[in-house]
Amino acid sequence: MSLERVLKTLQSFGFAKRDAEVYVYLAKKGHQKPLEIASALKIRRHHLLRILKNLQAKGIVTVIHEQSTYFSAIAFEKTLDLLIKTNIEQAKSIKETKQELLSNWRNMTKQNST
């Protein structure tokens, strides 16, 4: 699978382009300091820190506190499993509320047409 395909796949799961790039960089390079990541990907440090927080919130990047702070990505296979599980749960939730949502929609559109 090409790098572009991996990035597109992550974006299809809701990643911003830069989030996907940072994740892939960490997954390939191992644990890195923020300055190393920012320099390699040409991202401003404050923007990078927001991206890293987003990725931590998704559970696919961890922070390692030693003498310096490092960030590390979980394995790509585990990331895909986590993303698939999340999307299945979201689809299930939508399916469970489908009839209620359709009923609400019909009521809204009926009120607007009268």
C-alpha atoms as a PDB file:
ATOM      1  CA  MET A   1       0.000   0.000   0.000  1.00  0.00           C
ATOM      2  CA  SER A   2       1.417   3.361  -0.959  1.00  0.00           C
ATOM      3  CA  LEU A   3       1.840   6.226   1.465  1.00  0.00           C
ATOM      4  CA  GLU A   4      -0.812   8.205  -0.413  1.00  0.00           C
ATOM      5  CA  ARG A   5      -3.293   5.331  -0.066  1.00  0.00           C
ATOM      6  CA  VAL A   6      -2.616   5.054   3.669  1.00  0.00           C
ATOM      7  CA  LEU A   7      -3.135   8.811   4.115  1.00  0.00           C
ATOM      8  CA  LYS A   8      -6.375   8.731   2.093  1.00  0.00           C
ATOM      9  CA  THR A   9      -7.634   5.781   4.126  1.00  0.00           C
ATOM     10  CA  LEU A  10      -6.962   7.578   7.401  1.00  0.00           C
ATOM     11  CA  GLN A  11      -8.683  10.687   6.034  1.00  0.00           C
ATOM     12  CA  SER A  12     -11.716   8.572   5.106  1.00  0.00           C
ATOM     13  CA  PHE A  13     -11.872   7.618   8.792  1.00  0.00           C
ATOM     14  CA  GLY A  14     -12.124  11.304   9.701  1.00  0.00           C
ATOM     15  CA  PHE A  15      -8.487  12.292  10.118  1.00  0.00           C
ATOM     16  CA  ALA A  16      -7.428  15.728   8.989  1.00  0.00           C
ATOM     17  CA  LYS A  17      -4.635  15.491   6.413  1.00  0.00           C
ATOM     18  CA  ARG A  18      -1.971  16.770   8.835  1.00  0.00           C
ATOM     19  CA  ASP A  19      -3.193  14.417  11.591  1.00  0.00           C
ATOM     20  CA  ALA A  20      -2.775  11.479   9.208  1.00  0.00           C
ATOM     21  CA  GLU A  21       0.701  12.654   8.202  1.00  0.00           C
ATOM     22  CA  VAL A  22       1.831  12.987  11.826  1.00  0.00           C
ATOM     23  CA  TYR A  23       0.427   9.566  12.736  1.00  0.00           C
ATOM     24  CA  VAL A  24       2.127   7.880   9.765  1.00  0.00           C
ATOM     25  CA  TYR A  25       5.422   9.619  10.532  1.00  0.00           C
ATOM     26  CA  LEU A  26       5.339   8.402  14.135  1.00  0.00           C
ATOM     27  CA  ALA A  27       4.239   4.911  13.145  1.00  0.00           C
ATOM     28  CA  LYS A  28       7.168   4.641  10.751  1.00  0.00           C
ATOM     29  CA  LYS A  29       9.856   6.391  12.833  1.00  0.00           C
ATOM     30  CA  GLY A  30       9.014   5.307  16.369  1.00  0.00           C
ATOM     31  CA  HIS A  31       9.009   7.649  19.346  1.00  0.00           C
ATOM     32  CA  GLN A  32      10.034  11.204  18.523  1.00  0.00           C
ATOM     33  CA  LYS A  33      10.369  14.562  20.210  1.00  0.00           C
ATOM     34  CA  PRO A  34       7.914  17.253  19.094  1.00  0.00           C
ATOM     35  CA  LEU A  35      10.741  19.346  17.645  1.00  0.00           C
ATOM     36  CA  GLU A  36      11.892  16.412  15.492  1.00  0.00           C
ATOM     37  CA  ILE A  37       8.368  15.838  14.189  1.00  0.00           C
ATOM     38  CA  ALA A  38       7.757  19.523  13.497  1.00  0.00           C
ATOM     39  CA  SER A  39      11.042  19.837  11.656  1.00  0.00           C
ATOM     40  CA  ALA A  40      10.603  16.689   9.559  1.00  0.00           C
ATOM     41  CA  LEU A  41       7.027  17.514   8.544  1.00  0.00           C
ATOM     42  CA  LYS A  42       7.492  21.295   8.379  1.00  0.00           C
ATOM     43  CA  ILE A  43       4.689  21.999  10.852  1.00  0.00           C
ATOM     44  CA  ARG A  44       4.686  24.847  13.337  1.00  0.00           C
ATOM     45  CA  ARG A  45       5.231  23.530  16.831  1.00  0.00           C
ATOM     46  CA  HIS A  46       1.984  24.945  18.308  1.00  0.00           C
ATOM     47  CA  HIS A  47      -0.022  23.387  15.446  1.00  0.00           C
ATOM     48  CA  LEU A  48       1.793  20.092  15.941  1.00  0.00           C
ATOM     49  CA  LEU A  49       0.916  20.040  19.635  1.00  0.00           C
ATOM     50  CA  ARG A  50      -2.794  20.382  18.742  1.00  0.00           C
ATOM     51  CA  ILE A  51      -2.456  17.534  16.255  1.00  0.00           C
ATOM     52  CA  LEU A  52      -0.739  15.342  18.845  1.00  0.00           C
ATOM     53  CA  LYS A  53      -3.547  16.049  21.337  1.00  0.00           C
ATOM     54  CA  ASN A  54      -6.122  15.047  18.692  1.00  0.00           C
ATOM     55  CA  LEU A  55      -4.264  11.818  18.034  1.00  0.00           C
ATOM     56  CA  GLN A  56      -3.925  11.122  21.763  1.00  0.00           C
ATOM     57  CA  ALA A  57      -7.688  11.646  22.156  1.00  0.00           C
ATOM     58  CA  LYS A  58      -8.244   9.014  19.439  1.00  0.00           C
ATOM     59  CA  GLY A  59      -6.034   6.655  21.460  1.00  0.00           C
ATOM     60  CA  ILE A  60      -3.485   6.112  18.696  1.00  0.00           C
ATOM     61  CA  VAL A  61      -0.618   8.267  19.943  1.00  0.00           C
ATOM     62  CA  THR A  62       0.904   8.088  23.389  1.00  0.00           C
ATOM     63  CA  VAL A  63       3.204  10.420  25.242  1.00  0.00           C
ATOM     64  CA  ILE A  64       6.365   9.161  26.908  1.00  0.00           C
ATOM     65  CA  HIS A  65       7.841  11.282  29.684  1.00  0.00           C
ATOM     66  CA  GLU A  66      11.508  10.608  30.235  1.00  0.00           C
ATOM     67  CA  GLN A  67      14.164  13.303  30.445  1.00  0.00           C
ATOM     68  CA  SER A  68      12.395  14.791  27.427  1.00  0.00           C
ATOM     69  CA  THR A  69       8.858  14.332  26.140  1.00  0.00           C
ATOM     70  CA  TYR A  70       8.424  11.878  23.282  1.00  0.00           C
ATOM     71  CA  PHE A  71       5.375  10.861  21.304  1.00  0.00           C
ATOM     72  CA  SER A  72       4.785   7.411  19.910  1.00  0.00           C
ATOM     73  CA  ALA A  73       2.106   5.857  17.675  1.00  0.00           C
ATOM     74  CA  ILE A  74       0.421   2.531  18.229  1.00  0.00           C
ATOM     75  CA  ALA A  75       0.891  -0.053  15.480  1.00  0.00           C
ATOM     76  CA  PHE A  76      -0.912   0.627  12.201  1.00  0.00           C
ATOM     77  CA  GLU A  77      -2.831  -2.662  12.419  1.00  0.00           C
ATOM     78  CA  LYS A  78      -4.137  -1.771  15.891  1.00  0.00           C
ATOM     79  CA  THR A  79      -5.063   1.702  14.638  1.00  0.00           C
ATOM     80  CA  LEU A  80      -7.091   0.196  11.787  1.00  0.00           C
ATOM     81  CA  ASP A  81      -8.814  -2.191  14.207  1.00  0.00           C
ATOM     82  CA  LEU A  82      -9.667   0.713  16.525  1.00  0.00           C
ATOM     83  CA  LEU A  83     -10.995   2.852  13.661  1.00  0.00           C
ATOM     84  CA  ILE A  84     -13.082  -0.021  12.282  1.00  0.00           C
ATOM     85  CA  LYS A  85     -14.543  -0.713  15.721  1.00  0.00           C
ATOM     86  CA  THR A  86     -15.393   2.969  16.207  1.00  0.00           C
ATOM     87  CA  ASN A  87     -17.088   3.197  12.806  1.00  0.00           C
ATOM     88  CA  ILE A  88     -19.078   0.017  13.412  1.00  0.00           C
ATOM     89  CA  GLU A  89     -20.286   1.395  16.749  1.00  0.00           C
ATOM     90  CA  GLN A  90     -21.254   4.712  15.112  1.00  0.00           C
ATOM     91  CA  ALA A  91     -23.146   2.935  12.319  1.00  0.00           C
ATOM     92  CA  LYS A  92     -24.914   0.741  14.876  1.00  0.00           C
ATOM     93  CA  SER A  93     -25.938   3.815  16.873  1.00  0.00           C
ATOM     94  CA  ILE A  94     -27.345   5.508  13.769  1.00  0.00           C
ATOM     95  CA  LYS A  95     -29.205   2.341  12.791  1.00  0.00           C
ATOM     96  CA  GLU A  96     -30.728   2.069  16.279  1.00  0.00           C
ATOM     97  CA  THR A  97     -32.041   5.644  16.131  1.00  0.00           C
ATOM     98  CA  LYS A  98     -32.979   5.645  12.434  1.00  0.00           C
ATOM     99  CA  GLN A  99     -36.746   5.384  12.908  1.00  0.00           C
ATOM    100  CA  GLU A 100     -36.780   8.101  15.560  1.00  0.00           C
ATOM    101  CA  LEU A 101     -34.670  10.380  13.369  1.00  0.00           C
ATOM    102  CA  LEU A 102     -36.918   9.778  10.348  1.00  0.00           C
ATOM    103  CA  SER A 103     -40.023  10.483  12.417  1.00  0.00           C
ATOM    104  CA  ASN A 104     -38.503  13.734  13.690  1.00  0.00           C
ATOM    105  CA  TRP A 105     -37.507  14.677  10.148  1.00  0.00           C
ATOM    106  CA  ARG A 106     -41.006  14.029   8.805  1.00  0.00           C
ATOM    107  CA  ASN A 107     -42.526  16.113  11.577  1.00  0.00           C
ATOM    108  CA  MET A 108     -40.099  18.969  10.886  1.00  0.00           C
ATOM    109  CA  THR A 109     -40.730  18.970   7.163  1.00  0.00           C
ATOM    110  CA  LYS A 110     -44.499  18.664   7.663  1.00  0.00           C
ATOM    111  CA  GLN A 111     -44.465  21.737   9.955  1.00  0.00           C
ATOM    112  CA  ASN A 112     -42.445  23.745   7.457  1.00  0.00           C
ATOM    113  CA  SER A 113     -44.817  22.956   4.580  1.00  0.00           C
ATOM    114  CA  THR A 114     -47.928  24.124   6.412  1.00  0.00           C
END
